[in-house]
Amino acid sequence: MGGFGSSRWGRHVCRPRVEAWLPVIHARDLGKIMVGYAVTVVWRDGGATPLATVSYHVLPRDGAPHRTGSISWRVRATNRLREPRVANLLLAPGTLRFGTRWWLTCPKCTSRRAHLFLIDGMDWRCRVCAGLGYRSQQLAEYDRIDYRARKIAHDRLGATWIPDAKNHVRPRRMHRHTFERHCATLGALEQRREWLDRVIGARLLGWINTGTARRLRRVRARHES
């Protein structure tokens, strides 16, 4: 056993999470704005003090149905507001079987993205260019399985996930094929969770060492992929 401070976790810094980052703009919301109209969004610190103000003005663009969004923003630095900044962002439609899905173009990597994040109050970047991560990426494997199962059960099936539950109720207006696919995903996650329980138990009881446990996880990950 090492002494106090012997671990490398003291120098480990987690990436900022997407779920907690503000300000952020969504292509889905901007696509609902009619051409020629403007929308202003204000983020506050829980009180009356504005942290950032973003105005988005949708303009027509040559080669419709693409649009150009003239976006202006001001952010608070310490106890004062910075000077307003202006940039143009491309808003392009995506073809769907029913309806239209809108995409924003990242100014740095020019990839189409569903969200753009304001970095240091200066530039808009996508998640990859901004170096942001999801909460699920910062969880251990066991917790990540539990998080994903609960998310599918709550967001898709409208229910609370209970381990070993076999009889899920199909939500109203959900196709049977979609419901069966979600149930199959939950079943696979449950099997993965049970297998991981056995590996962790064997490791704690001393039946296998740490290297063997890691090797078993890698082999199963390759098999599942």
Protein backbone atom coordinates (compact mmCIF):
# COMPACT_ATOMS: atom_id res chain seq x y z
CA MET A 1 0.00 0.00 0.00
CA GLY A 2 1.29 3.43 -0.89
CA GLY A 3 1.42 6.34 1.45
CA PHE A 4 -0.60 9.52 1.42
CA GLY A 5 -0.27 11.31 -1.93
CA SER A 6 1.21 8.30 -3.73
CA SER A 7 -1.73 8.03 -6.12
CA ARG A 8 -1.74 9.76 -9.49
CA TRP A 9 -5.32 10.98 -9.00
CA GLY A 10 -4.03 14.21 -7.49
CA ARG A 11 -2.93 15.29 -10.97
CA HIS A 12 -6.04 13.97 -12.69
CA VAL A 13 -8.38 16.68 -14.00
CA CYS A 14 -11.79 15.74 -15.35
CA ARG A 15 -13.01 17.45 -18.46
CA PRO A 16 -15.86 19.95 -18.07
CA ARG A 17 -19.22 18.30 -18.67
CA VAL A 18 -21.66 19.14 -21.43
CA GLU A 19 -24.63 18.96 -19.06
CA ALA A 20 -23.27 21.76 -16.85
CA TRP A 21 -21.90 24.09 -19.56
CA LEU A 22 -23.54 27.43 -20.32
CA PRO A 23 -24.13 29.26 -22.60
CA VAL A 24 -25.11 26.77 -25.29
CA ILE A 25 -27.24 27.14 -28.43
CA HIS A 26 -29.29 24.34 -29.99
CA ALA A 27 -29.81 23.96 -33.72
CA ARG A 28 -33.25 22.45 -33.04
CA ASP A 29 -34.43 25.66 -31.35
CA LEU A 30 -32.85 27.99 -33.89
CA GLY A 31 -34.48 26.11 -36.75
CA LYS A 32 -37.89 27.06 -35.37
CA ILE A 33 -37.17 30.78 -35.77
CA MET A 34 -38.66 32.25 -38.94
CA VAL A 35 -36.39 34.07 -41.39
CA GLY A 36 -36.15 37.74 -40.53
CA TYR A 37 -36.94 37.30 -36.85
CA ALA A 38 -34.60 37.57 -33.85
CA VAL A 39 -34.52 35.86 -30.47
CA THR A 40 -32.65 36.91 -27.34
CA VAL A 41 -31.72 34.52 -24.53
CA VAL A 42 -30.36 35.60 -21.14
CA TRP A 43 -28.53 33.29 -18.74
CA ARG A 44 -28.54 34.29 -15.08
CA ASP A 45 -26.57 33.15 -12.03
CA GLY A 46 -29.64 32.13 -10.07
CA GLY A 47 -30.58 35.71 -9.29
CA ALA A 48 -31.08 38.90 -11.27
CA THR A 49 -27.48 39.22 -12.46
CA PRO A 50 -27.11 38.26 -16.14
CA LEU A 51 -24.14 36.05 -16.92
CA ALA A 52 -24.52 36.16 -20.70
CA THR A 53 -26.90 37.57 -23.29
CA VAL A 54 -27.14 35.99 -26.74
CA SER A 55 -29.18 37.38 -29.66
CA TYR A 56 -29.73 35.30 -32.79
CA HIS A 57 -31.04 36.91 -35.98
CA VAL A 58 -31.98 34.51 -38.79
CA LEU A 59 -31.18 35.78 -42.29
CA PRO A 60 -31.82 34.19 -45.71
CA ARG A 61 -28.86 32.71 -47.55
CA ASP A 62 -28.11 32.01 -51.18
CA GLY A 63 -28.97 28.43 -51.89
CA ALA A 64 -32.02 28.12 -49.65
CA PRO A 65 -33.12 26.38 -47.48
CA HIS A 66 -29.77 27.13 -45.78
CA ARG A 67 -29.82 30.06 -43.37
CA THR A 68 -27.26 32.38 -41.87
CA GLY A 69 -27.56 33.25 -38.23
CA SER A 70 -26.09 36.56 -37.18
CA ILE A 71 -25.35 35.97 -33.51
CA SER A 72 -24.26 38.61 -31.02
CA TRP A 73 -23.41 38.05 -27.37
CA ARG A 74 -22.15 39.73 -24.23
CA VAL A 75 -20.78 37.91 -21.21
CA ARG A 76 -19.95 39.06 -17.71
CA ALA A 77 -16.28 39.15 -16.73
CA THR A 78 -15.79 39.61 -12.96
CA ASN A 79 -18.14 42.49 -12.12
CA ARG A 80 -18.69 44.06 -15.55
CA LEU A 81 -19.99 43.11 -18.97
CA ARG A 82 -17.54 42.66 -21.80
CA GLU A 83 -17.93 44.41 -25.11
CA PRO A 84 -20.49 42.73 -27.40
CA ARG A 85 -19.17 40.38 -30.07
CA VAL A 86 -20.76 39.34 -33.38
CA ALA A 87 -20.32 36.25 -35.56
CA ASN A 88 -22.14 34.48 -38.38
CA LEU A 89 -23.11 30.81 -38.07
CA LEU A 90 -24.45 28.55 -40.80
CA LEU A 91 -27.73 26.75 -40.07
CA ALA A 92 -28.37 23.92 -42.53
CA PRO A 93 -31.32 21.51 -42.75
CA GLY A 94 -31.01 17.74 -42.70
CA THR A 95 -33.29 15.44 -44.67
CA LEU A 96 -35.57 13.22 -42.63
CA ARG A 97 -38.37 10.91 -43.59
CA PHE A 98 -40.81 13.19 -41.82
CA GLY A 99 -39.97 16.82 -41.06
CA THR A 100 -36.64 18.62 -40.98
CA ARG A 101 -33.72 18.47 -38.60
CA TRP A 102 -31.43 21.48 -38.41
CA TRP A 103 -27.68 21.46 -37.90
CA LEU A 104 -25.18 24.13 -36.91
CA THR A 105 -21.71 24.28 -38.46
CA CYS A 106 -18.81 24.50 -36.04
CA PRO A 107 -16.68 27.57 -36.96
CA LYS A 108 -13.45 25.70 -36.15
CA CYS A 109 -13.77 22.17 -37.58
CA THR A 110 -16.67 22.95 -40.00
CA SER A 111 -18.51 19.81 -38.86
CA ARG A 112 -22.26 19.84 -38.52
CA ARG A 113 -23.35 19.76 -34.89
CA ALA A 114 -26.59 19.85 -32.95
CA HIS A 115 -25.14 22.16 -30.25
CA LEU A 116 -22.48 24.86 -30.03
CA PHE A 117 -20.90 26.08 -26.78
CA LEU A 118 -19.50 29.49 -25.92
CA ILE A 119 -15.88 29.11 -24.81
CA ASP A 120 -14.30 31.79 -22.58
CA GLY A 121 -16.90 34.25 -23.84
CA MET A 122 -14.99 34.57 -27.11
CA ASP A 123 -15.86 31.86 -29.66
CA TRP A 124 -18.51 29.22 -30.36
CA ARG A 125 -17.20 25.66 -30.58
CA CYS A 126 -18.62 22.15 -30.81
CA ARG A 127 -18.16 19.65 -28.00
CA VAL A 128 -15.06 18.06 -29.52
CA CYS A 129 -13.28 21.35 -30.27
CA ALA A 130 -14.19 22.69 -26.81
CA GLY A 131 -12.86 19.56 -25.08
CA LEU A 132 -16.11 18.84 -23.25
CA GLY A 133 -17.20 15.41 -22.06
CA TYR A 134 -20.41 13.69 -21.06
CA ARG A 135 -21.22 12.61 -17.53
CA SER A 136 -21.36 8.97 -18.63
CA GLN A 137 -17.74 9.18 -19.86
CA GLN A 138 -16.55 10.04 -16.35
CA LEU A 139 -18.28 7.12 -14.64
CA ALA A 140 -16.81 3.74 -13.81
CA GLU A 141 -17.95 0.82 -15.95
CA TYR A 142 -20.46 -0.47 -13.38
CA ASP A 143 -21.94 2.98 -12.79
CA ARG A 144 -22.03 3.65 -16.54
CA ILE A 145 -24.16 0.53 -17.12
CA ASP A 146 -26.55 1.59 -14.37
CA TYR A 147 -26.71 5.17 -15.73
CA ARG A 148 -27.48 4.04 -19.27
CA ALA A 149 -30.16 1.57 -18.16
CA ARG A 150 -31.89 4.16 -16.00
CA LYS A 151 -31.77 6.70 -18.84
CA ILE A 152 -33.36 4.30 -21.34
CA ALA A 153 -36.05 3.24 -18.89
CA HIS A 154 -36.90 6.80 -17.87
CA ASP A 155 -36.55 8.69 -21.18
CA ARG A 156 -37.83 6.03 -23.57
CA LEU A 157 -40.18 3.85 -21.57
CA GLY A 158 -41.30 6.40 -19.00
CA ALA A 159 -40.62 4.04 -16.11
CA THR A 160 -38.16 3.50 -13.28
CA TRP A 161 -35.48 0.93 -14.03
CA ILE A 162 -35.48 -2.00 -11.62
CA PRO A 163 -32.75 -4.67 -12.00
CA ASP A 164 -34.04 -8.10 -13.07
CA ALA A 165 -37.37 -6.59 -14.15
CA LYS A 166 -38.69 -8.57 -17.12
CA ASN A 167 -42.19 -7.20 -17.71
CA HIS A 168 -41.91 -3.68 -19.10
CA VAL A 169 -45.03 -1.83 -20.20
CA ARG A 170 -45.05 -0.48 -23.74
CA PRO A 171 -45.76 3.25 -23.72
CA ARG A 172 -48.72 4.52 -25.65
CA ARG A 173 -48.07 5.27 -29.35
CA MET A 174 -44.68 3.55 -29.34
CA HIS A 175 -44.13 1.03 -32.13
CA ARG A 176 -43.78 -2.54 -30.97
CA HIS A 177 -40.47 -2.93 -32.82
CA THR A 178 -39.05 0.12 -31.01
CA PHE A 179 -40.31 -1.17 -27.67
CA GLU A 180 -38.74 -4.59 -28.24
CA ARG A 181 -35.45 -2.94 -29.21
CA HIS A 182 -35.34 -0.95 -25.96
CA CYS A 183 -36.20 -4.07 -23.96
CA ALA A 184 -33.41 -5.99 -25.71
CA THR A 185 -30.96 -3.20 -24.86
CA LEU A 186 -32.00 -3.30 -21.21
CA GLY A 187 -31.61 -7.09 -21.21
CA ALA A 188 -28.09 -6.83 -22.64
CA LEU A 189 -27.15 -4.21 -20.04
CA GLU A 190 -28.51 -6.45 -17.28
CA GLN A 191 -26.40 -9.36 -18.53
CA ARG A 192 -23.35 -7.11 -18.67
CA ARG A 193 -24.05 -5.95 -15.12
CA GLU A 194 -24.37 -9.51 -13.79
CA TRP A 195 -21.16 -10.58 -15.55
CA LEU A 196 -19.34 -7.57 -14.10
CA ASP A 197 -20.64 -8.50 -10.63
CA ARG A 198 -19.04 -11.94 -10.98
CA VAL A 199 -15.72 -10.51 -12.15
CA ILE A 200 -15.59 -7.93 -9.35
CA GLY A 201 -16.58 -10.56 -6.79
CA ALA A 202 -13.87 -12.93 -8.00
CA ARG A 203 -11.33 -10.10 -7.80
CA LEU A 204 -12.33 -9.15 -4.24
CA LEU A 205 -12.22 -12.79 -3.10
CA GLY A 206 -8.73 -13.16 -4.55
CA TRP A 207 -9.68 -15.83 -7.11
CA ILE A 208 -8.24 -13.71 -9.94
CA ASN A 209 -5.79 -10.85 -9.92
CA THR A 210 -6.22 -7.34 -11.33
CA GLY A 211 -4.50 -8.17 -14.61
CA THR A 212 -6.81 -11.10 -15.27
CA ALA A 213 -9.88 -8.97 -14.49
CA ARG A 214 -8.75 -6.30 -16.96
CA ARG A 215 -8.01 -8.92 -19.60
CA LEU A 216 -11.48 -10.45 -19.18
CA ARG A 217 -13.07 -7.03 -19.63
CA ARG A 218 -11.08 -6.35 -22.80
CA VAL A 219 -11.98 -9.74 -24.28
CA ARG A 220 -15.68 -9.27 -23.56
CA ALA A 221 -15.60 -5.71 -24.95
CA ARG A 222 -14.08 -6.98 -28.22
CA HIS A 223 -16.63 -9.78 -28.36
CA GLU A 224 -19.57 -7.38 -27.86
CA SER A 225 -18.27 -4.93 -30.46
